[in-house]
Amino acid sequence: MNGQTSHQQSKDGRHDDDAALTEFLASLMDYTPTIPDELVEHYLAKSGFQCPDIRLTRLVAVATQKFIADVATDALQYVFVLSVY
């Protein structure tokens, strides 16, 4: 009995994850990323990847934007540490 409850909870959790992912992907249709879709599509095509779904292109743009922001933040903190010493 306990095994079934555990299985149902993980199944419901997976459903919640799927619903959240679906909602997030739908929200990408209304989002204009900092990195233009055309630029992302160019570099994806250059690497051999083509996908007609704009949501995937925007997901790559959001991930790239976060990566660049993290690198810039780390660099700024590094410069700050150097200026203190």
Protein backbone atom coordinates (compact mmCIF):
# COMPACT_ATOMS: atom_id res chain seq x y z
CA MET A 1 0.00 0.00 0.00
CA ASN A 2 2.79 2.41 0.89
CA GLY A 3 4.50 1.62 -2.41
CA GLN A 4 1.40 2.65 -4.33
CA THR A 5 1.10 5.93 -2.45
CA SER A 6 4.73 6.69 -3.18
CA HIS A 7 4.22 5.87 -6.86
CA GLN A 8 1.12 8.09 -7.08
CA GLN A 9 2.94 10.99 -5.45
CA SER A 10 5.87 10.74 -7.86
CA LYS A 11 3.45 10.47 -10.78
CA ASP A 12 1.58 13.59 -9.59
CA GLY A 13 4.90 15.38 -9.08
CA ARG A 14 5.90 14.51 -12.61
CA HIS A 15 2.56 15.82 -13.88
CA ASP A 16 3.17 19.09 -12.01
CA ASP A 17 6.64 19.31 -13.57
CA ASP A 18 5.22 18.67 -17.03
CA ALA A 19 2.53 21.31 -16.50
CA ALA A 20 5.10 23.84 -15.30
CA LEU A 21 7.34 23.13 -18.30
CA THR A 22 4.40 23.46 -20.69
CA GLU A 23 3.41 26.76 -19.08
CA PHE A 24 6.99 28.04 -19.25
CA LEU A 25 7.36 27.10 -22.92
CA ALA A 26 4.05 28.81 -23.69
CA SER A 27 5.26 31.96 -21.93
CA LEU A 28 8.28 32.06 -24.26
CA MET A 29 5.94 32.94 -27.14
CA ASP A 30 5.23 36.32 -25.50
CA TYR A 31 8.81 36.94 -24.35
CA THR A 32 11.31 38.96 -26.37
CA PRO A 33 14.80 37.90 -25.30
CA THR A 34 17.77 40.27 -25.28
CA ILE A 35 19.50 38.09 -27.87
CA PRO A 36 17.52 38.29 -31.14
CA ASP A 37 15.92 35.11 -32.50
CA GLU A 38 17.77 35.53 -35.80
CA LEU A 39 21.17 35.54 -34.07
CA VAL A 40 20.35 32.43 -32.06
CA GLU A 41 19.01 30.70 -35.18
CA HIS A 42 22.19 31.61 -37.08
CA TYR A 43 24.49 30.06 -34.49
CA LEU A 44 22.24 27.03 -34.04
CA ALA A 45 22.23 26.48 -37.83
CA LYS A 46 26.01 26.98 -37.92
CA SER A 47 26.36 24.14 -35.42
CA GLY A 48 24.04 21.95 -37.53
CA PHE A 49 20.86 22.32 -35.50
CA GLN A 50 17.61 23.51 -37.05
CA CYS A 51 14.23 23.60 -35.35
CA PRO A 52 11.10 25.37 -36.60
CA ASP A 53 9.80 25.81 -33.01
CA ILE A 54 10.52 29.42 -31.94
CA ARG A 55 10.05 28.42 -28.30
CA LEU A 56 13.17 26.28 -28.43
CA THR A 57 15.13 29.12 -30.03
CA ARG A 58 14.00 31.47 -27.27
CA LEU A 59 14.84 28.89 -24.62
CA VAL A 60 18.41 28.79 -25.96
CA ALA A 61 18.44 32.62 -25.97
CA VAL A 62 17.31 32.75 -22.33
CA ALA A 63 19.92 30.16 -21.30
CA THR A 64 22.62 32.09 -23.17
CA GLN A 65 21.52 35.36 -21.60
CA LYS A 66 21.75 33.81 -18.13
CA PHE A 67 25.20 32.38 -18.88
CA ILE A 68 26.48 35.77 -20.07
CA ALA A 69 24.97 37.51 -17.04
CA ASP A 70 26.62 34.99 -14.69
CA VAL A 71 30.02 35.43 -16.36
CA ALA A 72 29.70 39.23 -16.22
CA THR A 73 28.69 39.10 -12.53
CA ASP A 74 31.63 36.85 -11.69
CA ALA A 75 34.01 39.11 -13.59
CA LEU A 76 32.67 42.18 -11.79
CA GLN A 77 33.10 40.48 -8.42
CA TYR A 78 36.64 39.45 -9.38
CA VAL A 79 37.49 43.06 -10.34
CA PHE A 80 36.00 44.25 -7.05
CA VAL A 81 38.12 41.77 -5.07
CA LEU A 82 41.26 42.86 -6.91
CA SER A 83 40.53 46.53 -6.25
CA VAL A 84 40.13 45.87 -2.52
CA TYR A 85 43.57 44.30 -2.24
